PDB file of N, CA and C in Angstrom:
ATOM      1  N   MET A   1     110.114 117.671 113.154  1.00  0.00           N
ATOM      2  CA  MET A   1     109.811 116.442 112.449  1.00  0.00           C
ATOM      3  C   MET A   1     109.632 116.745 110.965  1.00  0.00           C
ATOM      4  N   ASN A   2     110.197 115.902 110.146  1.00  0.00           N
ATOM      5  CA  ASN A   2     110.164 116.109 108.710  1.00  0.00           C
ATOM      6  C   ASN A   2     108.929 115.439 108.100  1.00  0.00           C
ATOM      7  N   ILE A   3     108.022 116.254 107.534  1.00  0.00           N
ATOM      8  CA  ILE A   3     106.824 115.752 106.870  1.00  0.00           C
ATOM      9  C   ILE A   3     106.688 116.513 105.547  1.00  0.00           C
ATOM     10  N   PRO A   4     107.378 116.044 104.487  1.00  0.00           N
ATOM     11  CA  PRO A   4     107.370 116.768 103.208  1.00  0.00           C
ATOM     12  C   PRO A   4     105.952 116.992 102.662  1.00  0.00           C
ATOM     13  N   ALA A   5     105.700 118.211 102.195  1.00  0.00           N
ATOM     14  CA  ALA A   5     104.376 118.587 101.697  1.00  0.00           C
ATOM     15  C   ALA A   5     104.035 117.927 100.362  1.00  0.00           C
ATOM     16  N   ASN A   6     105.048 117.486  99.610  1.00  0.00           N
ATOM     17  CA  ASN A   6     104.802 116.917  98.284  1.00  0.00           C
ATOM     18  C   ASN A   6     104.420 115.437  98.306  1.00  0.00           C
ATOM     19  N   LEU A   7     104.361 114.833  99.487  1.00  0.00           N
ATOM     20  CA  LEU A   7     104.038 113.415  99.602  1.00  0.00           C
ATOM     21  C   LEU A   7     102.625 113.231 100.138  1.00  0.00           C
ATOM     22  N   LYS A   8     102.101 112.009  99.983  1.00  0.00           N
ATOM     23  CA  LYS A   8     100.844 111.606 100.599  1.00  0.00           C
ATOM     24  C   LYS A   8     101.188 110.633 101.720  1.00  0.00           C
ATOM     25  N   TYR A   9     100.260 110.461 102.678  1.00  0.00           N
ATOM     26  CA  TYR A   9     100.529 109.662 103.870  1.00  0.00           C
ATOM     27  C   TYR A   9      99.350 108.753 104.199  1.00  0.00           C
ATOM     28  N   THR A  10      99.623 107.749 105.058  1.00  0.00           N
ATOM     29  CA  THR A  10      98.558 106.859 105.522  1.00  0.00           C
ATOM     30  C   THR A  10      98.484 106.922 107.041  1.00  0.00           C
ATOM     31  N   LYS A  11      97.361 106.466 107.578  1.00  0.00           N
ATOM     32  CA  LYS A  11      97.186 106.404 109.037  1.00  0.00           C
ATOM     33  C   LYS A  11      98.147 105.385 109.647  1.00  0.00           C
ATOM     34  N   ASP A  12      98.706 104.492 108.809  1.00  0.00           N
ATOM     35  CA  ASP A  12      99.660 103.482 109.277  1.00  0.00           C
ATOM     36  C   ASP A  12     101.108 103.971 109.182  1.00  0.00           C
ATOM     37  N   HIS A  13     101.295 105.251 108.852  1.00  0.00           N
ATOM     38  CA  HIS A  13     102.607 105.907 108.854  1.00  0.00           C
ATOM     39  C   HIS A  13     103.498 105.506 107.681  1.00  0.00           C
ATOM     40  N   GLU A  14     102.872 105.186 106.528  1.00  0.00           N
ATOM     41  CA  GLU A  14     103.635 105.055 105.292  1.00  0.00           C
ATOM     42  C   GLU A  14     103.504 106.367 104.517  1.00  0.00           C
ATOM     43  N   TRP A  15     104.522 106.650 103.717  1.00  0.00           N
ATOM     44  CA  TRP A  15     104.443 107.790 102.795  1.00  0.00           C
ATOM     45  C   TRP A  15     104.432 107.247 101.372  1.00  0.00           C
ATOM     46  N   ILE A  16     103.922 108.052 100.461  1.00  0.00           N
ATOM     47  CA  ILE A  16     103.851 107.647  99.062  1.00  0.00           C
ATOM     48  C   ILE A  16     104.149 108.850  98.174  1.00  0.00           C
ATOM     49  N   SER A  17     105.007 108.614  97.196  1.00  0.00           N
ATOM     50  CA  SER A  17     105.359 109.619  96.198  1.00  0.00           C
ATOM     51  C   SER A  17     104.920 109.068  94.850  1.00  0.00           C
ATOM     52  N   ILE A  18     104.243 109.885  94.036  1.00  0.00           N
ATOM     53  CA  ILE A  18     103.680 109.389  92.783  1.00  0.00           C
ATOM     54  C   ILE A  18     104.310 110.103  91.594  1.00  0.00           C
ATOM     55  N   GLU A  19     104.781 109.289  90.637  1.00  0.00           N
ATOM     56  CA  GLU A  19     105.297 109.800  89.361  1.00  0.00           C
ATOM     57  C   GLU A  19     104.641 108.982  88.265  1.00  0.00           C
ATOM     58  N   GLY A  20     103.683 109.605  87.544  1.00  0.00           N
ATOM     59  CA  GLY A  20     102.932 108.880  86.527  1.00  0.00           C
ATOM     60  C   GLY A  20     102.084 107.813  87.198  1.00  0.00           C
ATOM     61  N   ASP A  21     102.262 106.542  86.784  1.00  0.00           N
ATOM     62  CA  ASP A  21     101.489 105.462  87.416  1.00  0.00           C
ATOM     63  C   ASP A  21     102.360 104.607  88.330  1.00  0.00           C
ATOM     64  N   ILE A  22     103.510 105.170  88.742  1.00  0.00           N
ATOM     65  CA  ILE A  22     104.419 104.465  89.655  1.00  0.00           C
ATOM     66  C   ILE A  22     104.474 105.222  90.988  1.00  0.00           C
ATOM     67  N   ALA A  23     104.312 104.474  92.066  1.00  0.00           N
ATOM     68  CA  ALA A  23     104.382 105.054  93.406  1.00  0.00           C
ATOM     69  C   ALA A  23     105.592 104.491  94.138  1.00  0.00           C
ATOM     70  N   THR A  24     106.306 105.349  94.843  1.00  0.00           N
ATOM     71  CA  THR A  24     107.382 104.933  95.725  1.00  0.00           C
ATOM     72  C   THR A  24     106.827 105.003  97.146  1.00  0.00           C
ATOM     73  N   VAL A  25     107.125 103.966  97.951  1.00  0.00           N
ATOM     74  CA  VAL A  25     106.539 103.856  99.288  1.00  0.00           C
ATOM     75  C   VAL A  25     107.638 103.621 100.324  1.00  0.00           C
ATOM     76  N   GLY A  26     107.482 104.248 101.480  1.00  0.00           N
ATOM     77  CA  GLY A  26     108.379 104.027 102.611  1.00  0.00           C
ATOM     78  C   GLY A  26     107.636 104.333 103.893  1.00  0.00           C
ATOM     79  N   ILE A  27     108.353 104.350 105.015  1.00  0.00           N
ATOM     80  CA  ILE A  27     107.724 104.740 106.273  1.00  0.00           C
ATOM     81  C   ILE A  27     108.146 106.168 106.620  1.00  0.00           C
ATOM     82  N   THR A  28     107.313 106.829 107.387  1.00  0.00           N
ATOM     83  CA  THR A  28     107.542 108.236 107.702  1.00  0.00           C
ATOM     84  C   THR A  28     108.642 108.426 108.748  1.00  0.00           C
ATOM     85  N   ASP A  29     109.077 109.665 108.847  1.00  0.00           N
ATOM     86  CA  ASP A  29     110.050 110.056 109.858  1.00  0.00           C
ATOM     87  C   ASP A  29     109.499 109.741 111.249  1.00  0.00           C
ATOM     88  N   PHE A  30     108.223 110.024 111.466  1.00  0.00           N
ATOM     89  CA  PHE A  30     107.573 109.717 112.741  1.00  0.00           C
ATOM     90  C   PHE A  30     107.670 108.218 113.038  1.00  0.00           C
ATOM     91  N   ALA A  31     107.357 107.380 112.037  1.00  0.00           N
ATOM     92  CA  ALA A  31     107.370 105.924 112.233  1.00  0.00           C
ATOM     93  C   ALA A  31     108.761 105.413 112.575  1.00  0.00           C
ATOM     94  N   GLN A  32     109.773 105.888 111.857  1.00  0.00           N
ATOM     95  CA  GLN A  32     111.120 105.381 112.130  1.00  0.00           C
ATOM     96  C   GLN A  32     111.590 105.804 113.517  1.00  0.00           C
ATOM     97  N   LYS A  33     111.176 106.992 113.968  1.00  0.00           N
ATOM     98  CA  LYS A  33     111.549 107.429 115.321  1.00  0.00           C
ATOM     99  C   LYS A  33     110.849 106.577 116.376  1.00  0.00           C
ATOM    100  N   GLU A  34     109.584 106.244 116.131  1.00  0.00           N
ATOM    101  CA  GLU A  34     108.830 105.410 117.064  1.00  0.00           C
ATOM    102  C   GLU A  34     109.420 103.998 117.140  1.00  0.00           C
ATOM    103  N   LEU A  35     109.850 103.463 116.003  1.00  0.00           N
ATOM    104  CA  LEU A  35     110.408 102.105 115.958  1.00  0.00           C
ATOM    105  C   LEU A  35     111.787 102.031 116.599  1.00  0.00           C
ATOM    106  N   GLY A  36     112.578 103.072 116.429  1.00  0.00           N
ATOM    107  CA  GLY A  36     113.959 103.047 116.913  1.00  0.00           C
ATOM    108  C   GLY A  36     114.883 102.495 115.838  1.00  0.00           C
ATOM    109  N   ASP A  37     116.029 101.975 116.239  1.00  0.00           N
ATOM    110  CA  ASP A  37     117.043 101.523 115.286  1.00  0.00           C
ATOM    111  C   ASP A  37     116.542 100.348 114.448  1.00  0.00           C
ATOM    112  N   ILE A  38     116.414 100.580 113.154  1.00  0.00           N
ATOM    113  CA  ILE A  38     115.927  99.543 112.236  1.00  0.00           C
ATOM    114  C   ILE A  38     117.079  98.648 111.826  1.00  0.00           C
ATOM    115  N   VAL A  39     116.867  97.335 111.983  1.00  0.00           N
ATOM    116  CA  VAL A  39     117.937  96.372 111.714  1.00  0.00           C
ATOM    117  C   VAL A  39     117.635  95.473 110.515  1.00  0.00           C
ATOM    118  N   TYR A  40     116.383  95.471 110.030  1.00  0.00           N
ATOM    119  CA  TYR A  40     116.044  94.579 108.920  1.00  0.00           C
ATOM    120  C   TYR A  40     114.738  95.032 108.274  1.00  0.00           C
ATOM    121  N   VAL A  41     114.708  95.005 106.937  1.00  0.00           N
ATOM    122  CA  VAL A  41     113.482  95.276 106.186  1.00  0.00           C
ATOM    123  C   VAL A  41     113.246  94.063 105.291  1.00  0.00           C
ATOM    124  N   GLU A  42     112.049  93.483 105.397  1.00  0.00           N
ATOM    125  CA  GLU A  42     111.741  92.299 104.599  1.00  0.00           C
ATOM    126  C   GLU A  42     110.527  92.574 103.717  1.00  0.00           C
ATOM    127  N   VAL A  43     110.708  92.331 102.414  1.00  0.00           N
ATOM    128  CA  VAL A  43     109.619  92.445 101.452  1.00  0.00           C
ATOM    129  C   VAL A  43     109.658  91.176 100.598  1.00  0.00           C
ATOM    130  N   GLU A  44     108.657  90.330 100.769  1.00  0.00           N
ATOM    131  CA  GLU A  44     108.588  89.085  99.997  1.00  0.00           C
ATOM    132  C   GLU A  44     107.469  89.136  98.963  1.00  0.00           C
ATOM    133  N   THR A  45     106.997  90.336  98.648  1.00  0.00           N
ATOM    134  CA  THR A  45     105.862  90.489  97.750  1.00  0.00           C
ATOM    135  C   THR A  45     106.255  91.045  96.380  1.00  0.00           C
ATOM    136  N   LEU A  46     107.547  91.067  96.073  1.00  0.00           N
ATOM    137  CA  LEU A  46     108.015  91.571  94.778  1.00  0.00           C
ATOM    138  C   LEU A  46     107.326  90.810  93.657  1.00  0.00           C
ATOM    139  N   ASP A  47     106.868  91.529  92.642  1.00  0.00           N
ATOM    140  CA  ASP A  47     106.172  90.986  91.472  1.00  0.00           C
ATOM    141  C   ASP A  47     104.765  90.474  91.785  1.00  0.00           C
ATOM    142  N   GLN A  48     104.253  90.777  92.961  1.00  0.00           N
ATOM    143  CA  GLN A  48     102.882  90.395  93.309  1.00  0.00           C
ATOM    144  C   GLN A  48     101.972  91.617  93.229  1.00  0.00           C
ATOM    145  N   THR A  49     100.704  91.375  92.918  1.00  0.00           N
ATOM    146  CA  THR A  49      99.701  92.427  92.919  1.00  0.00           C
ATOM    147  C   THR A  49      98.899  92.307  94.214  1.00  0.00           C
ATOM    148  N   LEU A  50      98.864  93.393  94.962  1.00  0.00           N
ATOM    149  CA  LEU A  50      98.192  93.408  96.267  1.00  0.00           C
ATOM    150  C   LEU A  50      97.115  94.479  96.284  1.00  0.00           C
ATOM    151  N   GLU A  51      96.162  94.291  97.186  1.00  0.00           N
ATOM    152  CA  GLU A  51      95.101  95.275  97.382  1.00  0.00           C
ATOM    153  C   GLU A  51      95.569  96.336  98.385  1.00  0.00           C
ATOM    154  N   LYS A  52      94.900  97.471  98.366  1.00  0.00           N
ATOM    155  CA  LYS A  52      95.155  98.537  99.330  1.00  0.00           C
ATOM    156  C   LYS A  52      95.042  97.967 100.748  1.00  0.00           C
ATOM    157  N   ASP A  53      95.945  98.367 101.611  1.00  0.00           N
ATOM    158  CA  ASP A  53      95.994  97.991 103.029  1.00  0.00           C
ATOM    159  C   ASP A  53      96.471  96.562 103.289  1.00  0.00           C
ATOM    160  N   GLU A  54      96.853  95.804 102.239  1.00  0.00           N
ATOM    161  CA  GLU A  54      97.439  94.486 102.476  1.00  0.00           C
ATOM    162  C   GLU A  54      98.877  94.658 102.959  1.00  0.00           C
ATOM    163  N   VAL A  55      99.368  93.694 103.720  1.00  0.00           N
ATOM    164  CA  VAL A  55     100.745  93.723 104.211  1.00  0.00           C
ATOM    165  C   VAL A  55     101.689  93.411 103.057  1.00  0.00           C
ATOM    166  N   PHE A  56     102.653  94.313 102.810  1.00  0.00           N
ATOM    167  CA  PHE A  56     103.624  94.061 101.746  1.00  0.00           C
ATOM    168  C   PHE A  56     104.988  93.663 102.285  1.00  0.00           C
ATOM    169  N   GLY A  57     105.186  93.788 103.587  1.00  0.00           N
ATOM    170  CA  GLY A  57     106.473  93.424 104.172  1.00  0.00           C
ATOM    171  C   GLY A  57     106.482  93.744 105.650  1.00  0.00           C
ATOM    172  N   THR A  58     107.673  93.640 106.231  1.00  0.00           N
ATOM    173  CA  THR A  58     107.843  93.970 107.648  1.00  0.00           C
ATOM    174  C   THR A  58     109.126  94.766 107.832  1.00  0.00           C
ATOM    175  N   VAL A  59     109.146  95.532 108.898  1.00  0.00           N
ATOM    176  CA  VAL A  59     110.353  96.249 109.290  1.00  0.00           C
ATOM    177  C   VAL A  59     110.658  95.822 110.718  1.00  0.00           C
ATOM    178  N   GLU A  60     111.919  95.455 110.929  1.00  0.00           N
ATOM    179  CA  GLU A  60     112.334  94.974 112.245  1.00  0.00           C
ATOM    180  C   GLU A  60     113.275  95.984 112.876  1.00  0.00           C
ATOM    181  N   ALA A  61     112.910  96.393 114.078  1.00  0.00           N
ATOM    182  CA  ALA A  61     113.762  97.278 114.866  1.00  0.00           C
ATOM    183  C   ALA A  61     114.333  96.454 116.020  1.00  0.00           C
ATOM    184  N   VAL A  62     115.193  97.057 116.808  1.00  0.00           N
ATOM    185  CA  VAL A  62     115.857  96.338 117.886  1.00  0.00           C
ATOM    186  C   VAL A  62     114.843  95.668 118.815  1.00  0.00           C
ATOM    187  N   LYS A  63     113.727  96.355 119.110  1.00  0.00           N
ATOM    188  CA  LYS A  63     112.786  95.842 120.105  1.00  0.00           C
ATOM    189  C   LYS A  63     111.451  95.370 119.543  1.00  0.00           C
ATOM    190  N   THR A  64     111.197  95.516 118.234  1.00  0.00           N
ATOM    191  CA  THR A  64     109.871  95.188 117.709  1.00  0.00           C
ATOM    192  C   THR A  64     109.917  94.862 116.216  1.00  0.00           C
ATOM    193  N   VAL A  65     108.875  94.219 115.741  1.00  0.00           N
ATOM    194  CA  VAL A  65     108.673  93.975 114.318  1.00  0.00           C
ATOM    195  C   VAL A  65     107.320  94.577 113.961  1.00  0.00           C
ATOM    196  N   SER A  66     107.268  95.309 112.856  1.00  0.00           N
ATOM    197  CA  SER A  66     106.040  95.988 112.465  1.00  0.00           C
ATOM    198  C   SER A  66     105.692  95.655 111.019  1.00  0.00           C
ATOM    199  N   ASP A  67     104.405  95.391 110.758  1.00  0.00           N
ATOM    200  CA  ASP A  67     103.954  95.150 109.387  1.00  0.00           C
ATOM    201  C   ASP A  67     103.970  96.445 108.597  1.00  0.00           C
ATOM    202  N   LEU A  68     104.156  96.308 107.284  1.00  0.00           N
ATOM    203  CA  LEU A  68     104.106  97.428 106.354  1.00  0.00           C
ATOM    204  C   LEU A  68     102.861  97.243 105.490  1.00  0.00           C
ATOM    205  N   PHE A  69     102.018  98.272 105.412  1.00  0.00           N
ATOM    206  CA  PHE A  69     100.749  98.178 104.696  1.00  0.00           C
ATOM    207  C   PHE A  69     100.810  98.978 103.396  1.00  0.00           C
ATOM    208  N   LEU A  70     100.315  98.379 102.322  1.00  0.00           N
ATOM    209  CA  LEU A  70     100.329  99.025 101.015  1.00  0.00           C
ATOM    210  C   LEU A  70      99.289 100.155 100.982  1.00  0.00           C
ATOM    211  N   PRO A  71      99.711 101.390 100.672  1.00  0.00           N
ATOM    212  CA  PRO A  71      98.784 102.524 100.683  1.00  0.00           C
ATOM    213  C   PRO A  71      97.741 102.489  99.567  1.00  0.00           C
ATOM    214  N   ILE A  72      98.077 101.831  98.441  1.00  0.00           N
ATOM    215  CA  ILE A  72      97.183 101.754  97.286  1.00  0.00           C
ATOM    216  C   ILE A  72      97.366 100.399  96.615  1.00  0.00           C
ATOM    217  N   ALA A  73      96.344  99.935  95.929  1.00  0.00           N
ATOM    218  CA  ALA A  73      96.436  98.655  95.218  1.00  0.00           C
ATOM    219  C   ALA A  73      97.399  98.767  94.044  1.00  0.00           C
ATOM    220  N   GLY A  74      98.123  97.675  93.784  1.00  0.00           N
ATOM    221  CA  GLY A  74      99.010  97.665  92.630  1.00  0.00           C
ATOM    222  C   GLY A  74     100.007  96.532  92.690  1.00  0.00           C
ATOM    223  N   GLU A  75     100.859  96.491  91.660  1.00  0.00           N
ATOM    224  CA  GLU A  75     101.891  95.461  91.564  1.00  0.00           C
ATOM    225  C   GLU A  75     103.203  95.988  92.133  1.00  0.00           C
ATOM    226  N   ILE A  76     103.808  95.233  93.028  1.00  0.00           N
ATOM    227  CA  ILE A  76     105.114  95.594  93.588  1.00  0.00           C
ATOM    228  C   ILE A  76     106.163  95.313  92.509  1.00  0.00           C
ATOM    229  N   ILE A  77     106.750  96.375  91.960  1.00  0.00           N
ATOM    230  CA  ILE A  77     107.674  96.191  90.833  1.00  0.00           C
ATOM    231  C   ILE A  77     109.145  96.366  91.220  1.00  0.00           C
ATOM    232  N   ALA A  78     109.413  96.900  92.403  1.00  0.00           N
ATOM    233  CA  ALA A  78     110.809  97.068  92.815  1.00  0.00           C
ATOM    234  C   ALA A  78     110.903  97.098  94.336  1.00  0.00           C
ATOM    235  N   PHE A  79     112.030  96.574  94.834  1.00  0.00           N
ATOM    236  CA  PHE A  79     112.374  96.641  96.249  1.00  0.00           C
ATOM    237  C   PHE A  79     113.723  97.348  96.338  1.00  0.00           C
ATOM    238  N   ASN A  80     113.901  98.185  97.319  1.00  0.00           N
ATOM    239  CA  ASN A  80     115.156  98.899  97.521  1.00  0.00           C
ATOM    240  C   ASN A  80     116.193  97.916  98.080  1.00  0.00           C
ATOM    241  N   ASP A  81     116.916  97.255  97.179  1.00  0.00           N
ATOM    242  CA  ASP A  81     117.896  96.233  97.566  1.00  0.00           C
ATOM    243  C   ASP A  81     118.962  96.755  98.518  1.00  0.00           C
ATOM    244  N   ALA A  82     119.233  98.044  98.475  1.00  0.00           N
ATOM    245  CA  ALA A  82     120.255  98.619  99.362  1.00  0.00           C
ATOM    246  C   ALA A  82     119.900  98.410 100.833  1.00  0.00           C
ATOM    247  N   LEU A  83     118.604  98.256 101.136  1.00  0.00           N
ATOM    248  CA  LEU A  83     118.183  98.075 102.523  1.00  0.00           C
ATOM    249  C   LEU A  83     118.611  96.727 103.094  1.00  0.00           C
ATOM    250  N   GLU A  84     118.946  95.770 102.217  1.00  0.00           N
ATOM    251  CA  GLU A  84     119.421  94.472 102.711  1.00  0.00           C
ATOM    252  C   GLU A  84     120.725  94.626 103.484  1.00  0.00           C
ATOM    253  N   ASN A  85     121.596  95.527 103.029  1.00  0.00           N
ATOM    254  CA  ASN A  85     122.888  95.747 103.679  1.00  0.00           C
ATOM    255  C   ASN A  85     122.905  96.959 104.598  1.00  0.00           C
ATOM    256  N   THR A  86     122.016  97.910 104.343  1.00  0.00           N
ATOM    257  CA  THR A  86     121.994  99.136 105.147  1.00  0.00           C
ATOM    258  C   THR A  86     120.556  99.507 105.542  1.00  0.00           C
ATOM    259  N   PRO A  87     119.903  98.661 106.359  1.00  0.00           N
ATOM    260  CA  PRO A  87     118.536  98.979 106.780  1.00  0.00           C
ATOM    261  C   PRO A  87     118.453 100.267 107.583  1.00  0.00           C
ATOM    262  N   GLU A  88     119.577 100.677 108.159  1.00  0.00           N
ATOM    263  CA  GLU A  88     119.601 101.921 108.935  1.00  0.00           C
ATOM    264  C   GLU A  88     119.341 103.151 108.069  1.00  0.00           C
ATOM    265  N   SER A  89     119.375 102.997 106.739  1.00  0.00           N
ATOM    266  CA  SER A  89     119.021 104.105 105.837  1.00  0.00           C
ATOM    267  C   SER A  89     117.604 104.585 106.095  1.00  0.00           C
ATOM    268  N   VAL A  90     116.734 103.688 106.553  1.00  0.00           N
ATOM    269  CA  VAL A  90     115.359 104.074 106.861  1.00  0.00           C
ATOM    270  C   VAL A  90     115.350 105.076 108.012  1.00  0.00           C
ATOM    271  N   ASN A  91     116.232 104.908 108.982  1.00  0.00           N
ATOM    272  CA  ASN A  91     116.339 105.864 110.088  1.00  0.00           C
ATOM    273  C   ASN A  91     116.996 107.161 109.629  1.00  0.00           C
ATOM    274  N   ALA A  92     118.055 107.050 108.866  1.00  0.00           N
ATOM    275  CA  ALA A  92     118.845 108.219 108.484  1.00  0.00           C
ATOM    276  C   ALA A  92     118.151 109.086 107.436  1.00  0.00           C
ATOM    277  N   ASP A  93     117.436 108.461 106.494  1.00  0.00           N
ATOM    278  CA  ASP A  93     116.854 109.195 105.361  1.00  0.00           C
ATOM    279  C   ASP A  93     115.564 108.507 104.905  1.00  0.00           C
ATOM    280  N   PRO A  94     114.498 108.557 105.736  1.00  0.00           N
ATOM    281  CA  PRO A  94     113.288 107.796 105.423  1.00  0.00           C
ATOM    282  C   PRO A  94     112.610 108.182 104.110  1.00  0.00           C
ATOM    283  N   TYR A  95     112.781 109.441 103.658  1.00  0.00           N
ATOM    284  CA  TYR A  95     112.124 109.893 102.435  1.00  0.00           C
ATOM    285  C   TYR A  95     113.047 109.840 101.216  1.00  0.00           C
ATOM    286  N   GLY A  96     114.280 109.402 101.413  1.00  0.00           N
ATOM    287  CA  GLY A  96     115.236 109.335 100.311  1.00  0.00           C
ATOM    288  C   GLY A  96     115.790 107.937 100.182  1.00  0.00           C
ATOM    289  N   ALA A  97     117.016 107.732 100.668  1.00  0.00           N
ATOM    290  CA  ALA A  97     117.687 106.430 100.556  1.00  0.00           C
ATOM    291  C   ALA A  97     116.932 105.310 101.266  1.00  0.00           C
ATOM    292  N   GLY A  98     116.037 105.664 102.192  1.00  0.00           N
ATOM    293  CA  GLY A  98     115.293 104.662 102.951  1.00  0.00           C
ATOM    294  C   GLY A  98     113.972 104.234 102.334  1.00  0.00           C
ATOM    295  N   TRP A  99     113.715 104.610 101.058  1.00  0.00           N
ATOM    296  CA  TRP A  99     112.472 104.153 100.414  1.00  0.00           C
ATOM    297  C   TRP A  99     112.463 102.627 100.379  1.00  0.00           C
ATOM    298  N   MET A 100     111.277 102.028 100.320  1.00  0.00           N
ATOM    299  CA  MET A 100     111.182 100.570 100.422  1.00  0.00           C
ATOM    300  C   MET A 100     110.767  99.865  99.132  1.00  0.00           C
ATOM    301  N   ILE A 101     109.658 100.309  98.521  1.00  0.00           N
ATOM    302  CA  ILE A 101     109.175  99.635  97.319  1.00  0.00           C
ATOM    303  C   ILE A 101     108.685 100.639  96.290  1.00  0.00           C
ATOM    304  N   LYS A 102     108.558 100.145  95.051  1.00  0.00           N
ATOM    305  CA  LYS A 102     107.879 100.882  93.986  1.00  0.00           C
ATOM    306  C   LYS A 102     106.698 100.020  93.545  1.00  0.00           C
ATOM    307  N   VAL A 103     105.584 100.690  93.283  1.00  0.00           N
ATOM    308  CA  VAL A 103     104.331 100.013  92.954  1.00  0.00           C
ATOM    309  C   VAL A 103     103.764 100.577  91.662  1.00  0.00           C
ATOM    310  N   LYS A 104     103.332  99.688  90.762  1.00  0.00           N
ATOM    311  CA  LYS A 104     102.576 100.129  89.586  1.00  0.00           C
ATOM    312  C   LYS A 104     101.126 100.256  90.051  1.00  0.00           C
ATOM    313  N   ILE A 105     100.626 101.484  90.054  1.00  0.00           N
ATOM    314  CA  ILE A 105      99.314 101.790  90.630  1.00  0.00           C
ATOM    315  C   ILE A 105      98.190 101.161  89.805  1.00  0.00           C
ATOM    316  N   ALA A 106      97.285 100.451  90.483  1.00  0.00           N
ATOM    317  CA  ALA A 106      96.154  99.804  89.821  1.00  0.00           C
ATOM    318  C   ALA A 106      94.968 100.758  89.667  1.00  0.00           C
ATOM    319  N   ASN A 107      94.773 101.645  90.648  1.00  0.00           N
ATOM    320  CA  ASN A 107      93.610 102.516  90.642  1.00  0.00           C
ATOM    321  C   ASN A 107      94.007 103.898  91.172  1.00  0.00           C
ATOM    322  N   MET A 108      94.209 104.843  90.256  1.00  0.00           N
ATOM    323  CA  MET A 108      94.660 106.183  90.654  1.00  0.00           C
ATOM    324  C   MET A 108      93.670 106.875  91.588  1.00  0.00           C
ATOM    325  N   ALA A 109      92.393 106.499  91.541  1.00  0.00           N
ATOM    326  CA  ALA A 109      91.382 107.133  92.399  1.00  0.00           C
ATOM    327  C   ALA A 109      91.683 106.900  93.873  1.00  0.00           C
ATOM    328  N   GLU A 110      92.395 105.808  94.206  1.00  0.00           N
ATOM    329  CA  GLU A 110      92.724 105.540  95.606  1.00  0.00           C
ATOM    330  C   GLU A 110      93.654 106.593  96.198  1.00  0.00           C
ATOM    331  N   VAL A 111      94.400 107.282  95.352  1.00  0.00           N
ATOM    332  CA  VAL A 111      95.320 108.322  95.818  1.00  0.00           C
ATOM    333  C   VAL A 111      94.545 109.422  96.556  1.00  0.00           C
ATOM    334  N   ASP A 112      93.327 109.691  96.102  1.00  0.00           N
ATOM    335  CA  ASP A 112      92.511 110.743  96.723  1.00  0.00           C
ATOM    336  C   ASP A 112      92.172 110.436  98.177  1.00  0.00           C
ATOM    337  N   GLY A 113      92.208 109.161  98.568  1.00  0.00           N
ATOM    338  CA  GLY A 113      91.885 108.778  99.927  1.00  0.00           C
ATOM    339  C   GLY A 113      93.050 108.869 100.895  1.00  0.00           C
ATOM    340  N   LEU A 114      94.234 109.224 100.391  1.00  0.00           N
ATOM    341  CA  LEU A 114      95.416 109.333 101.247  1.00  0.00           C
ATOM    342  C   LEU A 114      95.447 110.685 101.954  1.00  0.00           C
ATOM    343  N   LEU A 115      96.241 110.765 103.008  1.00  0.00           N
ATOM    344  CA  LEU A 115      96.339 111.985 103.802  1.00  0.00           C
ATOM    345  C   LEU A 115      97.325 112.979 103.189  1.00  0.00           C
ATOM    346  N   SER A 116      96.989 114.258 103.278  1.00  0.00           N
ATOM    347  CA  SER A 116      97.934 115.316 102.914  1.00  0.00           C
ATOM    348  C   SER A 116      98.938 115.457 104.055  1.00  0.00           C
ATOM    349  N   SER A 117      99.992 116.229 103.831  1.00  0.00           N
ATOM    350  CA  SER A 117     100.965 116.453 104.902  1.00  0.00           C
ATOM    351  C   SER A 117     100.291 117.134 106.095  1.00  0.00           C
ATOM    352  N   GLU A 118      99.363 118.061 105.831  1.00  0.00           N
ATOM    353  CA  GLU A 118      98.663 118.740 106.931  1.00  0.00           C
ATOM    354  C   GLU A 118      97.799 117.771 107.725  1.00  0.00           C
ATOM    355  N   SER A 119      97.081 116.889 107.023  1.00  0.00           N
ATOM    356  CA  SER A 119      96.233 115.904 107.708  1.00  0.00           C
ATOM    357  C   SER A 119      97.092 114.927 108.501  1.00  0.00           C
ATOM    358  N   TYR A 120      98.246 114.567 107.951  1.00  0.00           N
ATOM    359  CA  TYR A 120      99.128 113.630 108.666  1.00  0.00           C
ATOM    360  C   TYR A 120      99.684 114.290 109.927  1.00  0.00           C
ATOM    361  N   LYS A 121     100.053 115.566 109.821  1.00  0.00           N
ATOM    362  CA  LYS A 121     100.546 116.294 111.002  1.00  0.00           C
ATOM    363  C   LYS A 121      99.490 116.302 112.111  1.00  0.00           C
ATOM    364  N   GLU A 122      98.224 116.489 111.728  1.00  0.00           N
ATOM    365  CA  GLU A 122      97.144 116.459 112.718  1.00  0.00           C
ATOM    366  C   GLU A 122      97.041 115.078 113.352  1.00  0.00           C
ATOM    367  N   LEU A 123      97.166 114.026 112.543  1.00  0.00           N
ATOM    368  CA  LEU A 123      97.069 112.658 113.035  1.00  0.00           C
ATOM    369  C   LEU A 123      98.107 112.368 114.115  1.00  0.00           C
ATOM    370  N   ILE A 124      99.345 112.820 113.898  1.00  0.00           N
ATOM    371  CA  ILE A 124     100.417 112.510 114.831  1.00  0.00           C
ATOM    372  C   ILE A 124     100.621 113.605 115.880  1.00  0.00           C
ATOM    373  N   GLY A 125      99.840 114.666 115.787  1.00  0.00           N
ATOM    374  CA  GLY A 125      99.935 115.741 116.768  1.00  0.00           C
ATOM    375  C   GLY A 125     101.175 116.606 116.606  1.00  0.00           C
ATOM    376  N   ALA A 126     101.636 116.743 115.372  1.00  0.00           N
ATOM    377  CA  ALA A 126     102.848 117.547 115.119  1.00  0.00           C
ATOM    378  C   ALA A 126     102.502 118.999 114.866  1.00  0.00           C
TER     379      ALA A 126
END
């Protein structure tokens, strides 16, 4: 299972990559495997400011729909438009082409509350 050491994680199986005050967010390799074939990603929160743990969108797989939770508070400044035509990118490359949103971070201190790759591995039993 792929769990990159340079990322932070949440108990809800989102990953977060931070560059300056911008965070890129997606779902983990574990999450996409649990969901199965992803057929649709919906984010209707573009240009909105949300609190940590608020729902920013949904991911739809063949058999289920799952909410996506924001790992840190901030403004949703970008959505990966490529997912509209190729949602399967989340399955094929969850940490690359399958990224979902970019967030302007409101409170950098919240990053400290996220899981390291080692803590996430313990959470999922990897």
